[in-house]
Amino acid sequence: MTEKFRLDNHISLVTGGSKGIGFGIAKALAEAGADIVLVARNEKDLEQAQDKLTQTGRRIWTYSFDMSNVEKIDGMFAGIVKDTEGVDILVNNAGGTRRGPAESLSTDDWNFVINLNMTAVFALCQAFVKERIKSGKKGKIINIASLMSETVREDNAPYAASKGGIRQLTKALAVDWAKYQINVNAIGPGFIQTDLTRALWENEEFNKWLAWKTPWGRWGSPEDLGNAAVYLAAPASDFVTGHILYVDGGLLSTFGPSSW
């Protein structure tokens, strides 16, 4: 059974893979046997991530690229395919947000979030599947959804819209591309402890709320998401497609504790 969770002789591309959730996923995939392509904006972060991942014994490639440059994604991906001779697993992790009251958000803020979180994801998925069709090989796509694919916090309209869109895009691509043996799934992280969420996990009141609201009573870690990604990337999930796997400690499943 354990071989069903191995990724030897596979190459995985992780966007936003130099730190945080993306790095946690890339590390887990490497430990499962995959060679790793990291795409991120900051070259220093990429160098540090490469140094750490090289310790797994896998081949590591890095590419400094801003995923908001949607019109250049095809060229970027073509260069990766040329260097690696093909990508088997695509993890769309890069994303961002612009917060504020919906009534005062600019269309520039709206377009930035939708472009990065949805349009860029679709463009890279499309580039990936075209190469898979051409090569006659199957593949796995893992998108990163969110708790806000299902529910919403205030002052996050563009982000919530984009992640709701990722949920439906994942299902649509799964239906369209099953005939090419492409599995398309998504992971919906709960509250994950990373540098980006430091202000929250260092906030005592927020931590109390999170422990109260989450049945498992703790923050998630990038490792929790990496474990889920290995399953969705590996042969063990070959009959799973169009699924959103929420890794949230049960948060979406409850109103909160029954004792007050």
Protein backbone atom coordinates (compact mmCIF):
# COMPACT_ATOMS: atom_id res chain seq x y z
CA MET A 1 0.00 0.00 0.00
CA THR A 2 2.79 2.47 0.82
CA GLU A 3 3.89 2.62 -2.82
CA LYS A 4 0.50 4.15 -3.61
CA PHE A 5 1.69 7.25 -1.75
CA ARG A 6 5.11 7.48 -3.41
CA LEU A 7 5.97 10.09 -6.03
CA ASP A 8 9.27 8.76 -7.32
CA ASN A 9 10.02 9.68 -10.95
CA HIS A 10 7.50 12.52 -10.82
CA ILE A 11 8.14 16.25 -11.16
CA SER A 12 5.96 18.68 -9.23
CA LEU A 13 5.62 22.42 -9.82
CA VAL A 14 4.57 24.53 -6.82
CA THR A 15 3.78 28.22 -7.30
CA GLY A 16 4.43 30.43 -4.30
CA GLY A 17 6.58 27.55 -3.15
CA SER A 18 9.47 29.36 -1.48
CA LYS A 19 7.92 29.70 1.99
CA GLY A 20 4.82 29.17 4.11
CA ILE A 21 2.12 26.84 2.83
CA GLY A 22 3.77 26.44 -0.57
CA PHE A 23 7.08 25.40 0.93
CA GLY A 24 5.36 22.97 3.29
CA ILE A 25 3.67 21.32 0.34
CA ALA A 26 6.86 21.26 -1.74
CA LYS A 27 8.79 19.68 1.15
CA ALA A 28 6.18 16.95 1.64
CA LEU A 29 6.13 16.15 -2.08
CA ALA A 30 9.94 15.96 -2.14
CA GLU A 31 9.97 13.65 0.88
CA ALA A 32 7.50 11.43 -0.99
CA GLY A 33 10.00 11.17 -3.86
CA ALA A 34 9.08 13.98 -6.28
CA ASP A 35 11.56 16.34 -7.89
CA ILE A 36 10.44 19.92 -7.32
CA VAL A 37 10.04 23.07 -9.40
CA LEU A 38 9.57 26.19 -7.27
CA VAL A 39 8.07 29.35 -8.73
CA ALA A 40 8.03 32.53 -6.63
CA ARG A 41 8.82 36.21 -6.94
CA ASN A 42 11.70 36.65 -4.48
CA GLU A 43 15.03 35.17 -5.60
CA LYS A 44 16.52 35.16 -2.09
CA ASP A 45 13.55 33.21 -0.73
CA LEU A 46 13.88 30.76 -3.62
CA GLU A 47 17.59 30.23 -2.90
CA GLN A 48 16.88 29.52 0.76
CA ALA A 49 14.07 27.12 -0.11
CA GLN A 50 16.25 25.34 -2.65
CA ASP A 51 19.01 24.87 -0.07
CA LYS A 52 16.55 23.27 2.36
CA LEU A 53 14.87 21.04 -0.21
CA THR A 54 18.17 19.85 -1.67
CA GLN A 55 18.66 18.01 1.64
CA THR A 56 15.85 15.63 0.60
CA GLY A 57 18.07 14.33 -2.19
CA ARG A 58 15.65 15.42 -4.90
CA ARG A 59 16.35 17.62 -7.93
CA ILE A 60 15.20 21.19 -7.34
CA TRP A 61 14.64 23.90 -9.95
CA THR A 62 13.75 27.50 -9.12
CA TYR A 63 12.18 30.23 -11.24
CA SER A 64 11.66 33.83 -10.21
CA PHE A 65 8.31 34.83 -11.69
CA ASP A 66 5.33 37.02 -10.73
CA MET A 67 2.17 35.01 -11.36
CA SER A 68 0.15 38.19 -11.85
CA ASN A 69 1.88 38.50 -15.25
CA VAL A 70 -0.76 36.27 -16.78
CA GLU A 71 0.21 36.98 -20.39
CA LYS A 72 3.70 35.58 -19.71
CA ILE A 73 2.62 32.34 -18.01
CA ASP A 74 2.67 30.27 -21.20
CA GLY A 75 6.27 31.26 -21.90
CA MET A 76 7.33 30.65 -18.31
CA PHE A 77 5.79 27.19 -18.31
CA ALA A 78 7.28 26.33 -21.71
CA GLY A 79 10.73 27.14 -20.30
CA ILE A 80 10.12 24.87 -17.31
CA VAL A 81 9.02 22.00 -19.56
CA LYS A 82 12.14 22.46 -21.67
CA ASP A 83 14.39 22.36 -18.60
CA THR A 84 12.67 19.45 -16.86
CA GLU A 85 11.23 17.47 -19.80
CA GLY A 86 7.75 17.74 -18.31
CA VAL A 87 5.75 18.44 -15.15
CA ASP A 88 3.51 15.69 -13.74
CA ILE A 89 1.97 17.50 -10.75
CA LEU A 90 0.88 21.13 -10.62
CA VAL A 91 0.17 22.89 -7.32
CA ASN A 92 -1.41 26.34 -7.70
CA ASN A 93 -0.56 27.94 -4.38
CA ALA A 94 0.43 31.53 -5.25
CA GLY A 95 -2.20 34.10 -4.32
CA GLY A 96 -2.92 37.34 -2.55
CA THR A 97 -5.61 39.64 -1.24
CA ARG A 98 -6.65 43.27 -0.89
CA ARG A 99 -8.84 43.89 2.16
CA GLY A 100 -11.38 46.61 2.84
CA PRO A 101 -15.10 47.39 3.06
CA ALA A 102 -16.80 46.22 -0.13
CA GLU A 103 -18.42 49.61 -0.67
CA SER A 104 -15.07 51.40 -0.87
CA LEU A 105 -12.83 48.88 -2.66
CA SER A 106 -11.45 50.07 -5.97
CA THR A 107 -11.87 48.10 -9.15
CA ASP A 108 -8.06 48.00 -9.30
CA ASP A 109 -8.00 46.08 -6.00
CA TRP A 110 -10.76 43.77 -7.22
CA ASN A 111 -9.01 43.08 -10.52
CA PHE A 112 -5.65 42.45 -8.82
CA VAL A 113 -7.08 39.70 -6.60
CA ILE A 114 -9.21 38.06 -9.30
CA ASN A 115 -6.33 38.17 -11.78
CA LEU A 116 -3.81 36.59 -9.39
CA ASN A 117 -6.07 34.14 -7.57
CA MET A 118 -8.22 32.95 -10.48
CA THR A 119 -7.09 34.03 -13.93
CA ALA A 120 -3.45 33.08 -13.35
CA VAL A 121 -4.53 29.71 -11.96
CA PHE A 122 -6.65 29.01 -15.02
CA ALA A 123 -3.85 30.09 -17.37
CA LEU A 124 -1.29 27.81 -15.73
CA CYS A 125 -3.74 24.89 -15.57
CA GLN A 126 -4.40 25.37 -19.27
CA ALA A 127 -0.68 25.45 -20.12
CA PHE A 128 -0.16 22.32 -18.02
CA VAL A 129 -2.97 20.32 -19.60
CA LYS A 130 -2.01 21.28 -23.15
CA GLU A 131 1.47 19.87 -22.54
CA ARG A 132 -0.01 16.72 -20.97
CA ILE A 133 -2.29 16.19 -23.98
CA LYS A 134 0.63 16.72 -26.36
CA SER A 135 2.83 14.26 -24.48
CA GLY A 136 0.02 11.75 -23.96
CA LYS A 137 0.70 11.62 -20.22
CA LYS A 138 -1.69 11.85 -17.29
CA GLY A 139 -1.28 14.41 -14.51
CA LYS A 140 -2.49 15.85 -11.23
CA ILE A 141 -3.57 19.42 -10.49
CA ILE A 142 -3.98 20.64 -6.91
CA ASN A 143 -5.46 24.11 -6.44
CA ILE A 144 -5.42 25.94 -3.12
CA ALA A 145 -8.91 26.92 -2.09
CA SER A 146 -9.82 28.44 1.30
CA LEU A 147 -12.31 28.40 4.13
CA MET A 148 -13.68 31.38 2.20
CA SER A 149 -14.57 29.06 -0.64
CA GLU A 150 -17.49 28.21 1.66
CA THR A 151 -17.88 31.02 4.18
CA VAL A 152 -16.79 34.63 4.51
CA ARG A 153 -15.09 37.05 6.90
CA GLU A 154 -15.88 40.74 6.59
CA ASP A 155 -13.84 43.08 4.39
CA ASN A 156 -12.68 40.28 2.09
CA ALA A 157 -15.04 40.42 -0.88
CA PRO A 158 -12.46 39.99 -3.69
CA TYR A 159 -10.67 37.15 -1.90
CA ALA A 160 -13.90 35.35 -1.05
CA ALA A 161 -15.11 35.70 -4.64
CA SER A 162 -11.80 34.39 -6.01
CA LYS A 163 -11.70 31.38 -3.69
CA GLY A 164 -15.34 30.56 -4.32
CA GLY A 165 -14.36 30.68 -7.97
CA ILE A 166 -11.44 28.30 -7.35
CA ARG A 167 -13.87 25.79 -5.84
CA GLN A 168 -16.05 25.84 -8.95
CA LEU A 169 -13.12 26.07 -11.38
CA THR A 170 -11.66 22.95 -9.79
CA LYS A 171 -14.89 21.06 -10.36
CA ALA A 172 -15.27 22.35 -13.92
CA LEU A 173 -11.73 21.39 -14.95
CA ALA A 174 -12.11 17.99 -13.30
CA VAL A 175 -15.13 17.31 -15.50
CA ASP A 176 -13.55 18.69 -18.68
CA TRP A 177 -10.18 16.96 -18.29
CA ALA A 178 -11.04 13.52 -16.90
CA LYS A 179 -10.94 12.25 -20.50
CA TYR A 180 -7.24 13.16 -20.54
CA GLN A 181 -6.60 11.36 -17.21
CA ILE A 182 -5.99 14.64 -15.43
CA ASN A 183 -7.18 14.73 -11.83
CA VAL A 184 -8.12 18.20 -10.60
CA ASN A 185 -8.67 18.69 -6.88
CA ALA A 186 -8.17 21.43 -4.29
CA ILE A 187 -7.07 21.81 -0.70
CA GLY A 188 -8.91 24.27 1.54
CA PRO A 189 -6.61 25.31 4.39
CA GLY A 190 -7.97 26.28 7.76
CA PHE A 191 -6.00 28.71 9.91
CA ILE A 192 -2.38 27.78 9.21
CA GLN A 193 0.55 29.05 11.26
CA THR A 194 2.95 30.81 8.87
CA ASP A 195 4.81 34.11 8.77
CA LEU A 196 1.85 35.64 6.92
CA THR A 197 -0.50 34.83 9.82
CA ARG A 198 1.96 35.80 12.56
CA ALA A 199 -0.09 38.83 13.67
CA LEU A 200 -3.04 36.51 14.35
CA TRP A 201 -1.24 33.64 16.08
CA GLU A 202 0.60 36.10 18.29
CA ASN A 203 -2.76 37.67 19.27
CA GLU A 204 -3.96 36.14 22.55
CA GLU A 205 -7.63 36.95 21.98
CA PHE A 206 -7.63 35.51 18.48
CA ASN A 207 -5.94 32.35 19.71
CA LYS A 208 -8.66 31.92 22.32
CA TRP A 209 -11.32 32.31 19.62
CA LEU A 210 -9.56 29.85 17.33
CA ALA A 211 -9.18 27.24 20.06
CA TRP A 212 -12.88 27.66 20.90
CA LYS A 213 -14.07 27.49 17.30
CA THR A 214 -11.86 24.67 16.00
CA PRO A 215 -12.76 21.15 17.27
CA TRP A 216 -9.08 20.13 17.24
CA GLY A 217 -8.29 23.24 19.29
CA ARG A 218 -5.12 24.31 17.48
CA TRP A 219 -3.65 26.06 14.48
CA GLY A 220 -2.83 23.98 11.43
CA SER A 221 0.70 23.70 10.07
CA PRO A 222 2.14 23.67 6.54
CA GLU A 223 2.97 20.01 7.23
CA ASP A 224 -0.75 19.26 7.64
CA LEU A 225 -1.35 20.63 4.16
CA GLY A 226 1.70 18.85 2.76
CA ASN A 227 0.30 15.50 3.90
CA ALA A 228 -2.96 16.20 2.09
CA ALA A 229 -1.09 17.28 -1.04
CA VAL A 230 0.88 14.03 -1.13
CA TYR A 231 -2.38 12.07 -1.11
CA LEU A 232 -3.91 14.14 -3.91
CA ALA A 233 -0.70 13.94 -5.97
CA ALA A 234 -0.11 10.22 -5.49
CA PRO A 235 -1.62 7.15 -7.19
CA ALA A 236 -3.69 6.57 -4.02
CA SER A 237 -6.09 9.31 -5.21
CA ASP A 238 -6.39 8.27 -8.86
CA PHE A 239 -10.20 7.93 -8.58
CA VAL A 240 -10.60 11.28 -6.76
CA THR A 241 -11.32 14.35 -8.87
CA GLY A 242 -13.36 17.51 -8.50
CA HIS A 243 -12.98 17.30 -4.72
CA ILE A 244 -12.20 20.09 -2.23
CA LEU A 245 -10.34 18.66 0.75
CA TYR A 246 -10.67 21.00 3.73
CA VAL A 247 -7.77 20.70 6.15
CA ASP A 248 -9.22 22.85 8.92
CA GLY A 249 -9.36 20.85 12.15
CA GLY A 250 -13.13 20.59 11.74
CA LEU A 251 -13.76 24.35 11.78
CA LEU A 252 -16.27 24.37 8.92
CA SER A 253 -18.26 21.55 10.52
CA THR A 254 -19.30 23.26 13.74
CA PHE A 255 -21.05 26.30 15.21
CA GLY A 256 -18.66 26.00 18.15
CA PRO A 257 -18.55 24.06 21.42
CA SER A 258 -21.85 22.99 22.98
CA SER A 259 -20.81 24.27 26.43
CA TRP A 260 -20.80 28.01 26.95
